[in-house]
Amino acid sequence: MSGTETAIAELEGRFRKSVKEAAALAKSCTKPNSKEYARMLRAISWGCFLLGAFGAIVELAFIPIVRVITGVTVENRALHR
């Protein structure tokens, strides 16, 4: 066997192994029951809420910082629109 044939055979072996592992994983997976589904939904909801709250806090914190940097005050705000 040449070097190219050996490399192709090795790739084919890796591919076959990956396919077998993927099939075994698919067979072992089950659909979540209602309790597991509710737990996942709660965790995802909390994650979305916390991420949104963090984004809102960061946005509110940067409003005064941007105003200081750009020099926008209440009096001359209309000029910067």
N, C-alpha and C. Protein backbone atom coordinates (compact mmCIF):
# COMPACT_ATOMS: atom_id res chain seq x y z
N MET A 1 0.83 -1.19 0.00
CA MET A 1 0.00 0.00 0.00
C MET A 1 0.87 1.25 0.00
N SER A 2 0.44 2.20 -0.76
CA SER A 2 1.19 3.45 -0.78
C SER A 2 0.72 4.34 0.36
N GLY A 3 1.37 5.46 0.52
CA GLY A 3 1.03 6.39 1.59
C GLY A 3 -0.37 6.95 1.44
N THR A 4 -0.77 7.20 0.19
CA THR A 4 -2.11 7.75 -0.05
C THR A 4 -3.19 6.73 0.30
N GLU A 5 -2.97 5.48 -0.10
CA GLU A 5 -3.95 4.43 0.21
C GLU A 5 -4.07 4.21 1.71
N THR A 6 -2.96 4.30 2.41
CA THR A 6 -2.98 4.14 3.87
C THR A 6 -3.76 5.27 4.52
N ALA A 7 -3.55 6.49 4.04
CA ALA A 7 -4.26 7.64 4.59
C ALA A 7 -5.76 7.53 4.34
N ILE A 8 -6.13 7.09 3.14
CA ILE A 8 -7.55 6.93 2.80
C ILE A 8 -8.18 5.84 3.67
N ALA A 9 -7.45 4.73 3.86
CA ALA A 9 -7.97 3.65 4.70
C ALA A 9 -8.13 4.12 6.14
N GLU A 10 -7.21 4.91 6.62
CA GLU A 10 -7.30 5.44 7.99
C GLU A 10 -8.50 6.36 8.13
N LEU A 11 -8.72 7.24 7.16
CA LEU A 11 -9.88 8.14 7.19
C LEU A 11 -11.18 7.36 7.13
N GLU A 12 -11.20 6.31 6.31
CA GLU A 12 -12.40 5.48 6.21
C GLU A 12 -12.70 4.80 7.54
N GLY A 13 -11.66 4.33 8.20
CA GLY A 13 -11.83 3.69 9.51
C GLY A 13 -12.35 4.67 10.55
N ARG A 14 -11.83 5.89 10.55
CA ARG A 14 -12.31 6.92 11.47
C ARG A 14 -13.77 7.26 11.19
N PHE A 15 -14.12 7.35 9.91
CA PHE A 15 -15.49 7.68 9.53
C PHE A 15 -16.45 6.58 10.00
N ARG A 16 -16.07 5.33 9.76
CA ARG A 16 -16.93 4.22 10.19
C ARG A 16 -17.11 4.21 11.70
N LYS A 17 -16.04 4.47 12.43
CA LYS A 17 -16.11 4.51 13.88
C LYS A 17 -17.04 5.64 14.34
N SER A 18 -16.94 6.80 13.71
CA SER A 18 -17.80 7.93 14.06
C SER A 18 -19.26 7.62 13.79
N VAL A 19 -19.54 6.96 12.67
CA VAL A 19 -20.91 6.60 12.34
C VAL A 19 -21.47 5.61 13.37
N LYS A 20 -20.66 4.64 13.77
CA LYS A 20 -21.10 3.66 14.78
C LYS A 20 -21.39 4.34 16.11
N GLU A 21 -20.51 5.27 16.52
CA GLU A 21 -20.71 5.98 17.77
C GLU A 21 -21.96 6.86 17.72
N ALA A 22 -22.20 7.50 16.58
CA ALA A 22 -23.39 8.35 16.43
C ALA A 22 -24.66 7.50 16.48
N ALA A 23 -24.63 6.32 15.86
CA ALA A 23 -25.80 5.44 15.89
C ALA A 23 -26.05 4.95 17.31
N ALA A 24 -25.01 4.61 18.04
CA ALA A 24 -25.18 4.16 19.43
C ALA A 24 -25.75 5.28 20.30
N LEU A 25 -25.30 6.51 20.08
CA LEU A 25 -25.82 7.65 20.83
C LEU A 25 -27.29 7.87 20.51
N ALA A 26 -27.66 7.79 19.24
CA ALA A 26 -29.05 7.99 18.84
C ALA A 26 -29.95 6.92 19.45
N LYS A 27 -29.46 5.69 19.55
CA LYS A 27 -30.26 4.62 20.15
C LYS A 27 -30.44 4.82 21.64
N SER A 28 -29.44 5.39 22.32
CA SER A 28 -29.51 5.53 23.77
C SER A 28 -30.30 6.76 24.20
N CYS A 29 -30.53 7.70 23.31
CA CYS A 29 -31.26 8.92 23.66
C CYS A 29 -32.75 8.64 23.74
N THR A 30 -33.38 9.30 24.71
CA THR A 30 -34.83 9.16 24.86
C THR A 30 -35.45 10.55 24.88
N LYS A 31 -36.76 10.60 24.61
CA LYS A 31 -37.47 11.87 24.69
C LYS A 31 -37.63 12.24 26.16
N PRO A 32 -37.53 13.53 26.49
CA PRO A 32 -37.71 13.91 27.89
C PRO A 32 -39.17 13.76 28.31
N ASN A 33 -39.37 13.32 29.55
CA ASN A 33 -40.74 13.27 30.06
C ASN A 33 -41.15 14.68 30.49
N SER A 34 -42.37 14.84 30.96
CA SER A 34 -42.87 16.19 31.25
C SER A 34 -42.08 16.86 32.38
N LYS A 35 -41.61 16.07 33.35
CA LYS A 35 -40.83 16.64 34.44
C LYS A 35 -39.47 17.16 33.95
N GLU A 36 -38.80 16.37 33.13
CA GLU A 36 -37.51 16.81 32.57
C GLU A 36 -37.70 18.00 31.65
N TYR A 37 -38.77 17.99 30.87
CA TYR A 37 -39.04 19.10 29.95
C TYR A 37 -39.29 20.39 30.73
N ALA A 38 -40.06 20.31 31.81
CA ALA A 38 -40.34 21.49 32.62
C ALA A 38 -39.06 22.02 33.26
N ARG A 39 -38.18 21.12 33.70
CA ARG A 39 -36.92 21.53 34.30
C ARG A 39 -36.03 22.24 33.28
N MET A 40 -35.96 21.69 32.06
CA MET A 40 -35.16 22.34 31.01
C MET A 40 -35.75 23.70 30.64
N LEU A 41 -37.06 23.77 30.52
CA LEU A 41 -37.73 25.01 30.17
C LEU A 41 -37.48 26.08 31.23
N ARG A 42 -37.53 25.68 32.50
CA ARG A 42 -37.27 26.62 33.59
C ARG A 42 -35.83 27.12 33.53
N ALA A 43 -34.89 26.24 33.29
CA ALA A 43 -33.48 26.63 33.24
C ALA A 43 -33.21 27.57 32.07
N ILE A 44 -33.79 27.28 30.93
CA ILE A 44 -33.59 28.13 29.76
C ILE A 44 -34.25 29.49 29.98
N SER A 45 -35.43 29.49 30.59
CA SER A 45 -36.12 30.76 30.86
C SER A 45 -35.32 31.63 31.81
N TRP A 46 -34.78 31.03 32.86
CA TRP A 46 -33.94 31.79 33.79
C TRP A 46 -32.70 32.34 33.09
N GLY A 47 -32.11 31.54 32.24
CA GLY A 47 -30.93 32.00 31.51
C GLY A 47 -31.24 33.19 30.63
N CYS A 48 -32.36 33.13 29.91
CA CYS A 48 -32.76 34.26 29.05
C CYS A 48 -33.05 35.49 29.89
N PHE A 49 -33.74 35.32 31.01
CA PHE A 49 -34.06 36.44 31.89
C PHE A 49 -32.78 37.08 32.43
N LEU A 50 -31.85 36.26 32.92
CA LEU A 50 -30.62 36.80 33.49
C LEU A 50 -29.76 37.50 32.43
N LEU A 51 -29.71 36.93 31.24
CA LEU A 51 -28.94 37.55 30.18
C LEU A 51 -29.55 38.89 29.77
N GLY A 52 -30.87 38.94 29.68
CA GLY A 52 -31.55 40.19 29.35
C GLY A 52 -31.37 41.23 30.44
N ALA A 53 -31.47 40.81 31.71
CA ALA A 53 -31.28 41.74 32.82
C ALA A 53 -29.85 42.29 32.82
N PHE A 54 -28.89 41.43 32.58
CA PHE A 54 -27.50 41.88 32.53
C PHE A 54 -27.30 42.89 31.40
N GLY A 55 -27.88 42.61 30.24
CA GLY A 55 -27.78 43.55 29.12
C GLY A 55 -28.42 44.89 29.43
N ALA A 56 -29.57 44.86 30.10
CA ALA A 56 -30.24 46.11 30.46
C ALA A 56 -29.42 46.92 31.45
N ILE A 57 -28.82 46.23 32.43
CA ILE A 57 -27.98 46.92 33.42
C ILE A 57 -26.77 47.55 32.75
N VAL A 58 -26.14 46.81 31.85
CA VAL A 58 -24.98 47.35 31.14
C VAL A 58 -25.39 48.56 30.30
N GLU A 59 -26.53 48.47 29.61
CA GLU A 59 -27.00 49.59 28.80
C GLU A 59 -27.27 50.81 29.67
N LEU A 60 -27.93 50.62 30.80
CA LEU A 60 -28.21 51.74 31.70
C LEU A 60 -26.94 52.32 32.29
N ALA A 61 -25.94 51.51 32.51
CA ALA A 61 -24.68 52.00 33.05
C ALA A 61 -23.90 52.81 32.02
N PHE A 62 -24.05 52.48 30.74
CA PHE A 62 -23.28 53.17 29.72
C PHE A 62 -23.92 54.47 29.24
N ILE A 63 -25.19 54.69 29.52
CA ILE A 63 -25.83 55.95 29.09
C ILE A 63 -25.12 57.15 29.71
N PRO A 64 -24.89 57.18 31.03
CA PRO A 64 -24.18 58.34 31.58
C PRO A 64 -22.73 58.44 31.10
N ILE A 65 -22.10 57.31 30.90
CA ILE A 65 -20.70 57.33 30.45
C ILE A 65 -20.61 57.94 29.06
N VAL A 66 -21.52 57.57 28.16
CA VAL A 66 -21.51 58.12 26.80
C VAL A 66 -21.81 59.60 26.83
N ARG A 67 -22.72 60.02 27.70
CA ARG A 67 -23.03 61.45 27.80
C ARG A 67 -21.83 62.25 28.28
N VAL A 68 -21.07 61.71 29.22
CA VAL A 68 -19.87 62.41 29.70
C VAL A 68 -18.83 62.49 28.60
N ILE A 69 -18.66 61.41 27.87
CA ILE A 69 -17.64 61.39 26.81
C ILE A 69 -18.01 62.34 25.68
N THR A 70 -19.28 62.33 25.27
CA THR A 70 -19.69 63.19 24.15
C THR A 70 -20.02 64.60 24.58
N GLY A 71 -20.16 64.85 25.88
CA GLY A 71 -20.46 66.19 26.37
C GLY A 71 -21.91 66.58 26.21
N VAL A 72 -22.80 65.62 26.04
CA VAL A 72 -24.21 65.92 25.88
C VAL A 72 -24.81 66.16 27.26
N THR A 73 -25.47 67.30 27.44
CA THR A 73 -26.17 67.61 28.68
C THR A 73 -27.64 67.79 28.37
N VAL A 74 -28.44 68.03 29.40
CA VAL A 74 -29.87 68.18 29.22
C VAL A 74 -30.15 69.42 28.37
N GLU A 75 -29.38 70.47 28.56
CA GLU A 75 -29.62 71.72 27.84
C GLU A 75 -29.33 71.61 26.34
N ASN A 76 -28.22 70.96 25.98
CA ASN A 76 -27.84 70.90 24.56
C ASN A 76 -28.13 69.55 23.92
N ARG A 77 -29.02 68.76 24.52
CA ARG A 77 -29.37 67.45 23.96
C ARG A 77 -30.05 67.57 22.60
N ALA A 78 -30.89 68.59 22.43
CA ALA A 78 -31.61 68.77 21.18
C ALA A 78 -30.66 69.07 20.03
N LEU A 79 -29.52 69.66 20.31
CA LEU A 79 -28.55 69.97 19.25
C LEU A 79 -27.87 68.71 18.72
N HIS A 80 -27.81 67.66 19.51
CA HIS A 80 -27.10 66.43 19.12
C HIS A 80 -28.00 65.40 18.50
N ARG A 81 -29.23 65.68 18.29
CA ARG A 81 -30.14 64.69 17.69
C ARG A 81 -30.04 64.70 16.22
